[in-house]
Amino acid sequence: MVVVEAMGCGCAVVVSDVPAIRDIVSHGVNGVVFPAGDSGALAVALDQMRSDVALRQRLATSGRLAVLEQFDWSTAVHRYKVLYRQLEVN
């Protein structure tokens, strides 16, 4: 949840490649993903985020949009309404 909250607040994220995170963060799309346990890769990822302002801003914006699309209550309610209407028809 910390990753989702950070992305929702518009923060660029650097995360390790673990199953639950892969469902939320796509490397280079809405965050930077490094192999779990690889401290060298973590250092490179953090340095890249520190030094590349445009990348950081792009990932932060993309991450926020991804969270709003996947986790926003109004989006979830809309999906449930559509599903409910489909069930009513059947």
N, C-alpha and C. Protein backbone atom coordinates (compact mmCIF):
# COMPACT_ATOMS: atom_id res chain seq x y z
N MET A 1 0.81 -1.19 0.00
CA MET A 1 0.00 0.00 0.00
C MET A 1 0.86 1.27 0.00
N VAL A 2 2.05 1.20 0.57
CA VAL A 2 2.91 2.37 0.61
C VAL A 2 3.25 2.83 -0.81
N VAL A 3 3.50 1.90 -1.69
CA VAL A 3 3.83 2.25 -3.07
C VAL A 3 2.63 2.92 -3.74
N VAL A 4 1.45 2.37 -3.54
CA VAL A 4 0.23 2.96 -4.12
C VAL A 4 0.02 4.37 -3.57
N GLU A 5 0.18 4.53 -2.27
CA GLU A 5 0.00 5.85 -1.66
C GLU A 5 1.02 6.86 -2.20
N ALA A 6 2.27 6.43 -2.33
CA ALA A 6 3.31 7.32 -2.86
C ALA A 6 2.99 7.73 -4.29
N MET A 7 2.62 6.76 -5.10
CA MET A 7 2.29 7.06 -6.49
C MET A 7 1.06 7.98 -6.56
N GLY A 8 0.09 7.72 -5.73
CA GLY A 8 -1.11 8.54 -5.70
C GLY A 8 -0.83 9.98 -5.30
N CYS A 9 0.21 10.17 -4.51
CA CYS A 9 0.61 11.52 -4.10
C CYS A 9 1.50 12.20 -5.14
N GLY A 10 1.80 11.50 -6.22
CA GLY A 10 2.61 12.09 -7.28
C GLY A 10 4.10 11.94 -7.08
N CYS A 11 4.50 10.93 -6.32
CA CYS A 11 5.93 10.66 -6.12
C CYS A 11 6.39 9.60 -7.10
N ALA A 12 7.56 9.80 -7.69
CA ALA A 12 8.17 8.76 -8.50
C ALA A 12 8.66 7.67 -7.56
N VAL A 13 8.55 6.42 -7.98
CA VAL A 13 8.92 5.31 -7.10
C VAL A 13 10.02 4.46 -7.70
N VAL A 14 10.86 3.93 -6.82
CA VAL A 14 11.87 2.93 -7.14
C VAL A 14 11.53 1.73 -6.27
N VAL A 15 11.26 0.59 -6.92
CA VAL A 15 10.78 -0.58 -6.18
C VAL A 15 11.52 -1.83 -6.62
N SER A 16 11.55 -2.82 -5.72
CA SER A 16 12.16 -4.10 -6.09
C SER A 16 11.14 -4.95 -6.84
N ASP A 17 11.65 -5.86 -7.62
CA ASP A 17 10.83 -6.71 -8.48
C ASP A 17 10.27 -7.89 -7.69
N VAL A 18 9.15 -7.66 -7.04
CA VAL A 18 8.45 -8.73 -6.31
C VAL A 18 7.03 -8.82 -6.87
N PRO A 19 6.39 -9.98 -6.77
CA PRO A 19 5.11 -10.20 -7.45
C PRO A 19 4.05 -9.13 -7.21
N ALA A 20 3.77 -8.74 -6.01
CA ALA A 20 2.70 -7.77 -5.76
C ALA A 20 3.01 -6.42 -6.37
N ILE A 21 4.27 -6.06 -6.39
CA ILE A 21 4.67 -4.76 -6.94
C ILE A 21 4.54 -4.77 -8.46
N ARG A 22 4.83 -5.91 -9.10
CA ARG A 22 4.72 -6.00 -10.56
C ARG A 22 3.31 -5.72 -11.05
N ASP A 23 2.31 -5.93 -10.20
CA ASP A 23 0.93 -5.65 -10.59
C ASP A 23 0.64 -4.15 -10.62
N ILE A 24 1.48 -3.36 -9.99
CA ILE A 24 1.24 -1.93 -9.85
C ILE A 24 2.23 -1.10 -10.66
N VAL A 25 3.52 -1.47 -10.59
CA VAL A 25 4.58 -0.65 -11.20
C VAL A 25 5.17 -1.36 -12.41
N SER A 26 5.23 -0.65 -13.52
CA SER A 26 5.87 -1.15 -14.74
C SER A 26 7.14 -0.34 -14.96
N HIS A 27 8.25 -1.03 -15.09
CA HIS A 27 9.55 -0.37 -15.23
C HIS A 27 9.55 0.58 -16.42
N GLY A 28 9.94 1.82 -16.13
CA GLY A 28 10.05 2.83 -17.17
C GLY A 28 8.73 3.44 -17.60
N VAL A 29 7.62 2.88 -17.12
CA VAL A 29 6.30 3.40 -17.47
C VAL A 29 5.78 4.29 -16.35
N ASN A 30 5.74 3.74 -15.13
CA ASN A 30 5.25 4.52 -13.99
C ASN A 30 6.13 4.36 -12.75
N GLY A 31 7.35 3.89 -12.96
CA GLY A 31 8.30 3.73 -11.87
C GLY A 31 9.56 3.06 -12.39
N VAL A 32 10.50 2.87 -11.48
CA VAL A 32 11.73 2.16 -11.80
C VAL A 32 11.75 0.89 -10.95
N VAL A 33 11.95 -0.24 -11.60
CA VAL A 33 11.95 -1.54 -10.93
C VAL A 33 13.35 -2.11 -11.03
N PHE A 34 13.88 -2.60 -9.91
CA PHE A 34 15.20 -3.22 -9.90
C PHE A 34 15.06 -4.64 -9.32
N PRO A 35 15.99 -5.54 -9.67
CA PRO A 35 15.91 -6.92 -9.16
C PRO A 35 16.02 -6.96 -7.63
N ALA A 36 15.12 -7.69 -6.99
CA ALA A 36 15.14 -7.81 -5.53
C ALA A 36 16.49 -8.33 -5.07
N GLY A 37 17.02 -7.71 -4.04
CA GLY A 37 18.30 -8.13 -3.46
C GLY A 37 19.53 -7.60 -4.16
N ASP A 38 19.37 -6.85 -5.22
CA ASP A 38 20.50 -6.34 -5.98
C ASP A 38 20.77 -4.89 -5.57
N SER A 39 21.65 -4.72 -4.58
CA SER A 39 21.92 -3.39 -4.05
C SER A 39 22.60 -2.49 -5.08
N GLY A 40 23.37 -3.07 -5.97
CA GLY A 40 24.00 -2.28 -7.02
C GLY A 40 22.97 -1.70 -7.97
N ALA A 41 21.99 -2.51 -8.34
CA ALA A 41 20.92 -2.04 -9.23
C ALA A 41 20.08 -0.97 -8.53
N LEU A 42 19.87 -1.14 -7.22
CA LEU A 42 19.14 -0.13 -6.45
C LEU A 42 19.89 1.19 -6.49
N ALA A 43 21.20 1.14 -6.28
CA ALA A 43 22.01 2.36 -6.30
C ALA A 43 21.94 3.05 -7.66
N VAL A 44 22.01 2.27 -8.74
CA VAL A 44 21.92 2.84 -10.09
C VAL A 44 20.55 3.48 -10.30
N ALA A 45 19.49 2.78 -9.87
CA ALA A 45 18.13 3.30 -10.04
C ALA A 45 17.93 4.60 -9.27
N LEU A 46 18.41 4.64 -8.04
CA LEU A 46 18.27 5.86 -7.23
C LEU A 46 19.07 7.01 -7.83
N ASP A 47 20.26 6.72 -8.32
CA ASP A 47 21.08 7.76 -8.94
C ASP A 47 20.41 8.28 -10.22
N GLN A 48 19.82 7.37 -10.98
CA GLN A 48 19.12 7.77 -12.20
C GLN A 48 17.95 8.70 -11.86
N MET A 49 17.19 8.34 -10.84
CA MET A 49 16.05 9.18 -10.44
C MET A 49 16.51 10.53 -9.89
N ARG A 50 17.62 10.52 -9.17
CA ARG A 50 18.14 11.76 -8.59
C ARG A 50 18.60 12.71 -9.68
N SER A 51 19.24 12.17 -10.69
CA SER A 51 19.88 13.04 -11.69
C SER A 51 19.00 13.39 -12.89
N ASP A 52 17.95 12.63 -13.14
CA ASP A 52 17.13 12.86 -14.32
C ASP A 52 15.76 13.41 -13.92
N VAL A 53 15.67 14.73 -13.86
CA VAL A 53 14.46 15.40 -13.41
C VAL A 53 13.28 15.09 -14.33
N ALA A 54 13.51 15.11 -15.63
CA ALA A 54 12.43 14.85 -16.59
C ALA A 54 11.87 13.44 -16.41
N LEU A 55 12.75 12.46 -16.23
CA LEU A 55 12.31 11.08 -15.98
C LEU A 55 11.49 11.01 -14.71
N ARG A 56 11.99 11.61 -13.67
CA ARG A 56 11.30 11.60 -12.37
C ARG A 56 9.91 12.21 -12.49
N GLN A 57 9.80 13.31 -13.18
CA GLN A 57 8.50 13.96 -13.35
C GLN A 57 7.56 13.12 -14.20
N ARG A 58 8.07 12.54 -15.27
CA ARG A 58 7.25 11.71 -16.15
C ARG A 58 6.72 10.49 -15.41
N LEU A 59 7.59 9.81 -14.66
CA LEU A 59 7.18 8.63 -13.91
C LEU A 59 6.19 8.99 -12.80
N ALA A 60 6.41 10.12 -12.15
CA ALA A 60 5.50 10.55 -11.08
C ALA A 60 4.11 10.82 -11.64
N THR A 61 4.04 11.51 -12.77
CA THR A 61 2.76 11.81 -13.39
C THR A 61 2.07 10.53 -13.85
N SER A 62 2.81 9.67 -14.50
CA SER A 62 2.26 8.41 -14.99
C SER A 62 1.81 7.51 -13.84
N GLY A 63 2.58 7.51 -12.76
CA GLY A 63 2.22 6.71 -11.59
C GLY A 63 0.94 7.19 -10.95
N ARG A 64 0.80 8.49 -10.83
CA ARG A 64 -0.43 9.05 -10.24
C ARG A 64 -1.65 8.68 -11.09
N LEU A 65 -1.52 8.81 -12.39
CA LEU A 65 -2.62 8.45 -13.28
C LEU A 65 -2.97 6.97 -13.18
N ALA A 66 -1.95 6.12 -13.08
CA ALA A 66 -2.19 4.68 -12.95
C ALA A 66 -2.97 4.36 -11.67
N VAL A 67 -2.60 5.02 -10.58
CA VAL A 67 -3.30 4.79 -9.31
C VAL A 67 -4.74 5.28 -9.41
N LEU A 68 -4.93 6.44 -10.00
CA LEU A 68 -6.29 6.96 -10.14
C LEU A 68 -7.15 6.03 -11.01
N GLU A 69 -6.55 5.46 -12.04
CA GLU A 69 -7.30 4.54 -12.90
C GLU A 69 -7.61 3.23 -12.20
N GLN A 70 -6.70 2.73 -11.38
CA GLN A 70 -6.87 1.41 -10.78
C GLN A 70 -7.51 1.43 -9.40
N PHE A 71 -7.29 2.48 -8.63
CA PHE A 71 -7.67 2.44 -7.23
C PHE A 71 -8.63 3.54 -6.78
N ASP A 72 -8.94 4.48 -7.64
CA ASP A 72 -9.84 5.56 -7.25
C ASP A 72 -11.24 5.01 -6.96
N TRP A 73 -11.87 5.49 -5.90
CA TRP A 73 -13.19 4.98 -5.51
C TRP A 73 -14.22 5.20 -6.59
N SER A 74 -14.23 6.36 -7.22
CA SER A 74 -15.24 6.61 -8.25
C SER A 74 -15.04 5.67 -9.44
N THR A 75 -13.79 5.36 -9.77
CA THR A 75 -13.52 4.41 -10.84
C THR A 75 -14.00 3.03 -10.43
N ALA A 76 -13.71 2.63 -9.20
CA ALA A 76 -14.14 1.31 -8.72
C ALA A 76 -15.66 1.21 -8.70
N VAL A 77 -16.33 2.26 -8.24
CA VAL A 77 -17.80 2.25 -8.20
C VAL A 77 -18.35 2.12 -9.61
N HIS A 78 -17.77 2.85 -10.55
CA HIS A 78 -18.22 2.76 -11.94
C HIS A 78 -18.07 1.33 -12.46
N ARG A 79 -16.95 0.70 -12.18
CA ARG A 79 -16.73 -0.69 -12.64
C ARG A 79 -17.76 -1.62 -12.04
N TYR A 80 -18.07 -1.44 -10.75
CA TYR A 80 -19.07 -2.29 -10.11
C TYR A 80 -20.46 -2.04 -10.69
N LYS A 81 -20.77 -0.80 -11.01
CA LYS A 81 -22.07 -0.49 -11.62
C LYS A 81 -22.20 -1.19 -12.97
N VAL A 82 -21.16 -1.14 -13.77
CA VAL A 82 -21.18 -1.80 -15.07
C VAL A 82 -21.34 -3.30 -14.89
N LEU A 83 -20.59 -3.88 -13.97
CA LEU A 83 -20.68 -5.31 -13.70
C LEU A 83 -22.08 -5.68 -13.22
N TYR A 84 -22.63 -4.89 -12.32
CA TYR A 84 -23.97 -5.15 -11.78
C TYR A 84 -25.00 -5.11 -12.89
N ARG A 85 -24.91 -4.13 -13.77
CA ARG A 85 -25.86 -4.03 -14.89
C ARG A 85 -25.74 -5.23 -15.82
N GLN A 86 -24.53 -5.70 -16.03
CA GLN A 86 -24.34 -6.89 -16.87
C GLN A 86 -24.98 -8.12 -16.21
N LEU A 87 -24.86 -8.21 -14.90
CA LEU A 87 -25.46 -9.34 -14.19
C LEU A 87 -26.98 -9.27 -14.22
N GLU A 88 -27.54 -8.07 -14.17
CA GLU A 88 -28.99 -7.89 -14.24
C GLU A 88 -29.55 -8.38 -15.57
N VAL A 89 -28.81 -8.12 -16.63
CA VAL A 89 -29.25 -8.51 -17.97
C VAL A 89 -29.28 -10.01 -18.09
N ASN A 90 -28.31 -10.66 -17.51
CA ASN A 90 -28.22 -12.12 -17.60
C ASN A 90 -29.13 -12.72 -16.59
